Amino acid sequence: MNVAELSRVRRSIVPSPGDTWVEIARRELPDTPEAEAVSSLQSWNLHVFMRAATQMAGQPNPILPSDVIFVEPPLVSR
């Protein structure tokens, strides 16, 4: 692996308080159909989407302002 490959960082954001998957999708992936953008975000961010404790507590929005949300797929290493 060369230095150029090591310097590439996966694009991510820190959500605003109260952000939902739909709001993030609209803001970060405006050229992608909404349902597809939401699905992509959720698959790239399973660490947030599958947060069991929040879902069991009945909270409708498991996204916290302290979360890191990836807005592109995992990088492919060569």
PDB file of N, CA and C in Angstrom:
ATOM      1  N   MET A   1       0.856  -1.173   0.000  1.00  0.00           N
ATOM      2  CA  MET A   1       0.000   0.000   0.000  1.00  0.00           C
ATOM      3  C   MET A   1       0.901   1.236   0.000  1.00  0.00           C
ATOM      4  N   ASN A   2       0.588   2.201  -0.859  1.00  0.00           N
ATOM      5  CA  ASN A   2       1.420   3.393  -0.912  1.00  0.00           C
ATOM      6  C   ASN A   2       0.822   4.527  -0.076  1.00  0.00           C
ATOM      7  N   VAL A   3       1.571   5.604   0.073  1.00  0.00           N
ATOM      8  CA  VAL A   3       1.168   6.734   0.922  1.00  0.00           C
ATOM      9  C   VAL A   3      -0.114   7.392   0.422  1.00  0.00           C
ATOM     10  N   ALA A   4      -0.308   7.487  -0.887  1.00  0.00           N
ATOM     11  CA  ALA A   4      -1.517   8.109  -1.438  1.00  0.00           C
ATOM     12  C   ALA A   4      -2.768   7.352  -0.998  1.00  0.00           C
ATOM     13  N   GLU A   5      -2.680   6.037  -0.946  1.00  0.00           N
ATOM     14  CA  GLU A   5      -3.828   5.243  -0.509  1.00  0.00           C
ATOM     15  C   GLU A   5      -4.111   5.448   0.975  1.00  0.00           C
ATOM     16  N   LEU A   6      -3.095   5.665   1.758  1.00  0.00           N
ATOM     17  CA  LEU A   6      -3.278   5.863   3.193  1.00  0.00           C
ATOM     18  C   LEU A   6      -3.885   7.218   3.524  1.00  0.00           C
ATOM     19  N   SER A   7      -3.724   8.204   2.652  1.00  0.00           N
ATOM     20  CA  SER A   7      -4.219   9.540   2.955  1.00  0.00           C
ATOM     21  C   SER A   7      -5.698   9.718   2.599  1.00  0.00           C
ATOM     22  N   ARG A   8      -6.298   8.792   1.900  1.00  0.00           N
ATOM     23  CA  ARG A   8      -7.715   8.878   1.525  1.00  0.00           C
ATOM     24  C   ARG A   8      -8.569   8.536   2.732  1.00  0.00           C
ATOM     25  N   VAL A   9      -9.460   9.441   3.080  1.00  0.00           N
ATOM     26  CA  VAL A   9     -10.340   9.248   4.228  1.00  0.00           C
ATOM     27  C   VAL A   9     -11.781   9.160   3.729  1.00  0.00           C
ATOM     28  N   ARG A  10     -12.508   8.220   4.265  1.00  0.00           N
ATOM     29  CA  ARG A  10     -13.920   8.038   3.897  1.00  0.00           C
ATOM     30  C   ARG A  10     -14.726   9.247   4.360  1.00  0.00           C
ATOM     31  N   ARG A  11     -15.536   9.797   3.456  1.00  0.00           N
ATOM     32  CA  ARG A  11     -16.332  10.982   3.775  1.00  0.00           C
ATOM     33  C   ARG A  11     -17.350  10.671   4.865  1.00  0.00           C
ATOM     34  N   SER A  12     -17.444  11.568   5.844  1.00  0.00           N
ATOM     35  CA  SER A  12     -18.384  11.386   6.948  1.00  0.00           C
ATOM     36  C   SER A  12     -18.832  12.746   7.461  1.00  0.00           C
ATOM     37  N   ILE A  13     -19.903  12.729   8.238  1.00  0.00           N
ATOM     38  CA  ILE A  13     -20.426  13.944   8.863  1.00  0.00           C
ATOM     39  C   ILE A  13     -20.737  13.645  10.325  1.00  0.00           C
ATOM     40  N   VAL A  14     -20.938  14.696  11.085  1.00  0.00           N
ATOM     41  CA  VAL A  14     -21.498  14.595  12.428  1.00  0.00           C
ATOM     42  C   VAL A  14     -22.891  15.198  12.303  1.00  0.00           C
ATOM     43  N   PRO A  15     -23.937  14.440  12.617  1.00  0.00           N
ATOM     44  CA  PRO A  15     -25.299  14.932  12.397  1.00  0.00           C
ATOM     45  C   PRO A  15     -25.679  16.080  13.330  1.00  0.00           C
ATOM     46  N   SER A  16     -26.628  16.869  12.865  1.00  0.00           N
ATOM     47  CA  SER A  16     -27.206  17.921  13.695  1.00  0.00           C
ATOM     48  C   SER A  16     -28.198  17.283  14.661  1.00  0.00           C
ATOM     49  N   PRO A  17     -28.431  17.897  15.808  1.00  0.00           N
ATOM     50  CA  PRO A  17     -29.423  17.339  16.738  1.00  0.00           C
ATOM     51  C   PRO A  17     -30.779  17.151  16.039  1.00  0.00           C
ATOM     52  N   GLY A  18     -31.357  15.992  16.218  1.00  0.00           N
ATOM     53  CA  GLY A  18     -32.670  15.705  15.639  1.00  0.00           C
ATOM     54  C   GLY A  18     -32.646  15.238  14.200  1.00  0.00           C
ATOM     55  N   ASP A  19     -31.462  15.140  13.574  1.00  0.00           N
ATOM     56  CA  ASP A  19     -31.383  14.658  12.194  1.00  0.00           C
ATOM     57  C   ASP A  19     -31.978  13.261  12.073  1.00  0.00           C
ATOM     58  N   THR A  20     -32.645  13.015  10.968  1.00  0.00           N
ATOM     59  CA  THR A  20     -33.165  11.685  10.642  1.00  0.00           C
ATOM     60  C   THR A  20     -32.415  11.169   9.419  1.00  0.00           C
ATOM     61  N   TRP A  21     -32.620   9.897   9.115  1.00  0.00           N
ATOM     62  CA  TRP A  21     -31.994   9.333   7.921  1.00  0.00           C
ATOM     63  C   TRP A  21     -32.435  10.090   6.676  1.00  0.00           C
ATOM     64  N   VAL A  22     -33.706  10.445   6.608  1.00  0.00           N
ATOM     65  CA  VAL A  22     -34.233  11.159   5.439  1.00  0.00           C
ATOM     66  C   VAL A  22     -33.573  12.526   5.302  1.00  0.00           C
ATOM     67  N   GLU A  23     -33.458  13.257   6.404  1.00  0.00           N
ATOM     68  CA  GLU A  23     -32.837  14.583   6.338  1.00  0.00           C
ATOM     69  C   GLU A  23     -31.377  14.504   5.901  1.00  0.00           C
ATOM     70  N   ILE A  24     -30.657  13.543   6.443  1.00  0.00           N
ATOM     71  CA  ILE A  24     -29.251  13.377   6.056  1.00  0.00           C
ATOM     72  C   ILE A  24     -29.158  12.977   4.586  1.00  0.00           C
ATOM     73  N   ALA A  25     -30.027  12.079   4.141  1.00  0.00           N
ATOM     74  CA  ALA A  25     -30.022  11.644   2.741  1.00  0.00           C
ATOM     75  C   ALA A  25     -30.290  12.822   1.807  1.00  0.00           C
ATOM     76  N   ARG A  26     -31.270  13.632   2.145  1.00  0.00           N
ATOM     77  CA  ARG A  26     -31.592  14.793   1.301  1.00  0.00           C
ATOM     78  C   ARG A  26     -30.423  15.771   1.228  1.00  0.00           C
ATOM     79  N   ARG A  27     -29.766  15.981   2.333  1.00  0.00           N
ATOM     80  CA  ARG A  27     -28.678  16.956   2.399  1.00  0.00           C
ATOM     81  C   ARG A  27     -27.389  16.425   1.770  1.00  0.00           C
ATOM     82  N   GLU A  28     -27.047  15.183   2.051  1.00  0.00           N
ATOM     83  CA  GLU A  28     -25.746  14.645   1.641  1.00  0.00           C
ATOM     84  C   GLU A  28     -25.759  13.884   0.321  1.00  0.00           C
ATOM     85  N   LEU A  29     -26.914  13.360  -0.072  1.00  0.00           N
ATOM     86  CA  LEU A  29     -27.020  12.586  -1.319  1.00  0.00           C
ATOM     87  C   LEU A  29     -28.182  13.111  -2.167  1.00  0.00           C
ATOM     88  N   PRO A  30     -28.165  14.407  -2.498  1.00  0.00           N
ATOM     89  CA  PRO A  30     -29.320  15.018  -3.168  1.00  0.00           C
ATOM     90  C   PRO A  30     -29.623  14.465  -4.559  1.00  0.00           C
ATOM     91  N   ASP A  31     -28.647  13.879  -5.230  1.00  0.00           N
ATOM     92  CA  ASP A  31     -28.855  13.365  -6.583  1.00  0.00           C
ATOM     93  C   ASP A  31     -29.303  11.905  -6.612  1.00  0.00           C
ATOM     94  N   THR A  32     -29.507  11.322  -5.444  1.00  0.00           N
ATOM     95  CA  THR A  32     -29.922   9.918  -5.336  1.00  0.00           C
ATOM     96  C   THR A  32     -31.380   9.882  -4.885  1.00  0.00           C
ATOM     97  N   PRO A  33     -32.214   9.027  -5.484  1.00  0.00           N
ATOM     98  CA  PRO A  33     -33.599   8.906  -5.025  1.00  0.00           C
ATOM     99  C   PRO A  33     -33.633   8.672  -3.510  1.00  0.00           C
ATOM    100  N   GLU A  34     -34.593   9.301  -2.852  1.00  0.00           N
ATOM    101  CA  GLU A  34     -34.625   9.314  -1.384  1.00  0.00           C
ATOM    102  C   GLU A  34     -34.562   7.926  -0.750  1.00  0.00           C
ATOM    103  N   ALA A  35     -35.408   7.014  -1.189  1.00  0.00           N
ATOM    104  CA  ALA A  35     -35.434   5.677  -0.587  1.00  0.00           C
ATOM    105  C   ALA A  35     -34.091   4.971  -0.769  1.00  0.00           C
ATOM    106  N   GLU A  36     -33.488   5.117  -1.931  1.00  0.00           N
ATOM    107  CA  GLU A  36     -32.183   4.507  -2.188  1.00  0.00           C
ATOM    108  C   GLU A  36     -31.103   5.155  -1.326  1.00  0.00           C
ATOM    109  N   ALA A  37     -31.154   6.476  -1.184  1.00  0.00           N
ATOM    110  CA  ALA A  37     -30.163   7.194  -0.373  1.00  0.00           C
ATOM    111  C   ALA A  37     -30.260   6.787   1.096  1.00  0.00           C
ATOM    112  N   VAL A  38     -31.472   6.691   1.620  1.00  0.00           N
ATOM    113  CA  VAL A  38     -31.668   6.281   3.017  1.00  0.00           C
ATOM    114  C   VAL A  38     -31.154   4.865   3.221  1.00  0.00           C
ATOM    115  N   SER A  39     -31.494   3.974   2.298  1.00  0.00           N
ATOM    116  CA  SER A  39     -31.039   2.584   2.402  1.00  0.00           C
ATOM    117  C   SER A  39     -29.513   2.493   2.366  1.00  0.00           C
ATOM    118  N   SER A  40     -28.893   3.266   1.491  1.00  0.00           N
ATOM    119  CA  SER A  40     -27.433   3.268   1.409  1.00  0.00           C
ATOM    120  C   SER A  40     -26.819   3.776   2.705  1.00  0.00           C
ATOM    121  N   LEU A  41     -27.324   4.895   3.208  1.00  0.00           N
ATOM    122  CA  LEU A  41     -26.800   5.451   4.464  1.00  0.00           C
ATOM    123  C   LEU A  41     -26.904   4.435   5.596  1.00  0.00           C
ATOM    124  N   GLN A  42     -28.039   3.776   5.691  1.00  0.00           N
ATOM    125  CA  GLN A  42     -28.231   2.807   6.766  1.00  0.00           C
ATOM    126  C   GLN A  42     -27.277   1.622   6.617  1.00  0.00           C
ATOM    127  N   SER A  43     -27.033   1.174   5.394  1.00  0.00           N
ATOM    128  CA  SER A  43     -26.122   0.040   5.202  1.00  0.00           C
ATOM    129  C   SER A  43     -24.675   0.436   5.455  1.00  0.00           C
ATOM    130  N   TRP A  44     -24.315   1.688   5.206  1.00  0.00           N
ATOM    131  CA  TRP A  44     -22.956   2.163   5.456  1.00  0.00           C
ATOM    132  C   TRP A  44     -22.726   2.493   6.924  1.00  0.00           C
ATOM    133  N   ASN A  45     -23.812   2.558   7.704  1.00  0.00           N
ATOM    134  CA  ASN A  45     -23.734   2.988   9.100  1.00  0.00           C
ATOM    135  C   ASN A  45     -24.456   2.025  10.026  1.00  0.00           C
ATOM    136  N   LEU A  46     -24.175   0.746   9.873  1.00  0.00           N
ATOM    137  CA  LEU A  46     -24.830  -0.260  10.711  1.00  0.00           C
ATOM    138  C   LEU A  46     -24.565  -0.027  12.196  1.00  0.00           C
ATOM    139  N   HIS A  47     -23.434   0.586  12.518  1.00  0.00           N
ATOM    140  CA  HIS A  47     -23.115   0.885  13.919  1.00  0.00           C
ATOM    141  C   HIS A  47     -24.146   1.830  14.536  1.00  0.00           C
ATOM    142  N   VAL A  48     -24.856   2.584  13.719  1.00  0.00           N
ATOM    143  CA  VAL A  48     -25.911   3.484  14.202  1.00  0.00           C
ATOM    144  C   VAL A  48     -27.285   2.854  13.955  1.00  0.00           C
ATOM    145  N   PHE A  49     -27.497   2.375  12.746  1.00  0.00           N
ATOM    146  CA  PHE A  49     -28.796   1.841  12.357  1.00  0.00           C
ATOM    147  C   PHE A  49     -29.240   0.656  13.216  1.00  0.00           C
ATOM    148  N   MET A  50     -28.317  -0.172  13.625  1.00  0.00           N
ATOM    149  CA  MET A  50     -28.662  -1.363  14.383  1.00  0.00           C
ATOM    150  C   MET A  50     -28.467  -1.205  15.888  1.00  0.00           C
ATOM    151  N   ARG A  51     -28.422   0.016  16.346  1.00  0.00           N
ATOM    152  CA  ARG A  51     -28.213   0.270  17.777  1.00  0.00           C
ATOM    153  C   ARG A  51     -29.403  -0.292  18.559  1.00  0.00           C
ATOM    154  N   ALA A  52     -29.238  -1.473  19.103  1.00  0.00           N
ATOM    155  CA  ALA A  52     -30.335  -2.206  19.748  1.00  0.00           C
ATOM    156  C   ALA A  52     -30.886  -1.497  20.984  1.00  0.00           C
ATOM    157  N   ALA A  53     -30.053  -0.938  21.812  1.00  0.00           N
ATOM    158  CA  ALA A  53     -30.526  -0.323  23.055  1.00  0.00           C
ATOM    159  C   ALA A  53     -31.490   0.820  22.783  1.00  0.00           C
ATOM    160  N   THR A  54     -31.220   1.609  21.788  1.00  0.00           N
ATOM    161  CA  THR A  54     -32.090   2.737  21.453  1.00  0.00           C
ATOM    162  C   THR A  54     -33.406   2.237  20.888  1.00  0.00           C
ATOM    163  N   GLN A  55     -33.341   1.258  20.003  1.00  0.00           N
ATOM    164  CA  GLN A  55     -34.560   0.735  19.409  1.00  0.00           C
ATOM    165  C   GLN A  55     -35.439   0.059  20.458  1.00  0.00           C
ATOM    166  N   MET A  56     -34.837  -0.646  21.396  1.00  0.00           N
ATOM    167  CA  MET A  56     -35.618  -1.308  22.436  1.00  0.00           C
ATOM    168  C   MET A  56     -36.250  -0.293  23.376  1.00  0.00           C
ATOM    169  N   ALA A  57     -35.618   0.856  23.552  1.00  0.00           N
ATOM    170  CA  ALA A  57     -36.168   1.888  24.426  1.00  0.00           C
ATOM    171  C   ALA A  57     -37.320   2.625  23.763  1.00  0.00           C
ATOM    172  N   GLY A  58     -37.595   2.324  22.495  1.00  0.00           N
ATOM    173  CA  GLY A  58     -38.718   2.925  21.800  1.00  0.00           C
ATOM    174  C   GLY A  58     -38.429   4.278  21.180  1.00  0.00           C
ATOM    175  N   GLN A  59     -37.164   4.672  21.147  1.00  0.00           N
ATOM    176  CA  GLN A  59     -36.838   5.941  20.521  1.00  0.00           C
ATOM    177  C   GLN A  59     -36.958   5.805  19.015  1.00  0.00           C
ATOM    178  N   PRO A  60     -37.651   6.752  18.356  1.00  0.00           N
ATOM    179  CA  PRO A  60     -37.824   6.642  16.913  1.00  0.00           C
ATOM    180  C   PRO A  60     -36.575   7.009  16.117  1.00  0.00           C
ATOM    181  N   ASN A  61     -35.658   7.777  16.684  1.00  0.00           N
ATOM    182  CA  ASN A  61     -34.489   8.230  15.939  1.00  0.00           C
ATOM    183  C   ASN A  61     -33.213   7.836  16.664  1.00  0.00           C
ATOM    184  N   PRO A  62     -32.540   6.790  16.183  1.00  0.00           N
ATOM    185  CA  PRO A  62     -31.328   6.341  16.862  1.00  0.00           C
ATOM    186  C   PRO A  62     -30.085   7.155  16.526  1.00  0.00           C
ATOM    187  N   ILE A  63     -30.221   8.247  15.775  1.00  0.00           N
ATOM    188  CA  ILE A  63     -29.054   9.045  15.399  1.00  0.00           C
ATOM    189  C   ILE A  63     -28.791  10.090  16.475  1.00  0.00           C
ATOM    190  N   LEU A  64     -27.580  10.072  17.006  1.00  0.00           N
ATOM    191  CA  LEU A  64     -27.179  11.021  18.048  1.00  0.00           C
ATOM    192  C   LEU A  64     -26.219  12.049  17.468  1.00  0.00           C
ATOM    193  N   PRO A  65     -26.192  13.262  18.023  1.00  0.00           N
ATOM    194  CA  PRO A  65     -25.257  14.280  17.529  1.00  0.00           C
ATOM    195  C   PRO A  65     -23.790  13.872  17.672  1.00  0.00           C
ATOM    196  N   SER A  66     -23.502  12.900  18.504  1.00  0.00           N
ATOM    197  CA  SER A  66     -22.117  12.437  18.689  1.00  0.00           C
ATOM    198  C   SER A  66     -21.731  11.313  17.717  1.00  0.00           C
ATOM    199  N   ASP A  67     -22.678  10.828  16.920  1.00  0.00           N
ATOM    200  CA  ASP A  67     -22.395   9.767  15.958  1.00  0.00           C
ATOM    201  C   ASP A  67     -21.569  10.286  14.788  1.00  0.00           C
ATOM    202  N   VAL A  68     -20.795   9.410  14.211  1.00  0.00           N
ATOM    203  CA  VAL A  68     -20.119   9.684  12.946  1.00  0.00           C
ATOM    204  C   VAL A  68     -20.915   8.933  11.884  1.00  0.00           C
ATOM    205  N   ILE A  69     -21.415   9.664  10.889  1.00  0.00           N
ATOM    206  CA  ILE A  69     -22.228   9.074   9.836  1.00  0.00           C
ATOM    207  C   ILE A  69     -21.432   9.091   8.533  1.00  0.00           C
ATOM    208  N   PHE A  70     -21.174   7.915   7.988  1.00  0.00           N
ATOM    209  CA  PHE A  70     -20.470   7.819   6.720  1.00  0.00           C
ATOM    210  C   PHE A  70     -21.437   8.154   5.592  1.00  0.00           C
ATOM    211  N   VAL A  71     -21.007   8.983   4.654  1.00  0.00           N
ATOM    212  CA  VAL A  71     -21.865   9.395   3.551  1.00  0.00           C
ATOM    213  C   VAL A  71     -21.329   8.904   2.204  1.00  0.00           C
ATOM    214  N   GLU A  72     -20.529   7.865   2.259  1.00  0.00           N
ATOM    215  CA  GLU A  72     -20.084   7.158   1.069  1.00  0.00           C
ATOM    216  C   GLU A  72     -19.782   5.721   1.481  1.00  0.00           C
ATOM    217  N   PRO A  73     -19.779   4.806   0.504  1.00  0.00           N
ATOM    218  CA  PRO A  73     -19.532   3.402   0.840  1.00  0.00           C
ATOM    219  C   PRO A  73     -18.114   3.177   1.353  1.00  0.00           C
ATOM    220  N   PRO A  74     -17.879   2.016   1.961  1.00  0.00           N
ATOM    221  CA  PRO A  74     -16.514   1.696   2.412  1.00  0.00           C
ATOM    222  C   PRO A  74     -15.534   1.780   1.251  1.00  0.00           C
ATOM    223  N   LEU A  75     -14.355   2.241   1.567  1.00  0.00           N
ATOM    224  CA  LEU A  75     -13.307   2.334   0.550  1.00  0.00           C
ATOM    225  C   LEU A  75     -12.793   0.941   0.231  1.00  0.00           C
ATOM    226  N   VAL A  76     -12.435   0.731  -1.006  1.00  0.00           N
ATOM    227  CA  VAL A  76     -11.914  -0.552  -1.447  1.00  0.00           C
ATOM    228  C   VAL A  76     -10.397  -0.494  -1.386  1.00  0.00           C
ATOM    229  N   SER A  77      -9.805  -1.421  -0.665  1.00  0.00           N
ATOM    230  CA  SER A  77      -8.344  -1.475  -0.631  1.00  0.00           C
ATOM    231  C   SER A  77      -7.857  -2.327  -1.786  1.00  0.00           C
ATOM    232  N   ARG A  78      -6.714  -1.991  -2.278  1.00  0.00           N
ATOM    233  CA  ARG A  78      -6.177  -2.692  -3.450  1.00  0.00           C
ATOM    234  C   ARG A  78      -5.026  -3.551  -3.064  1.00  0.00           C
TER     235      ARG A  78
END
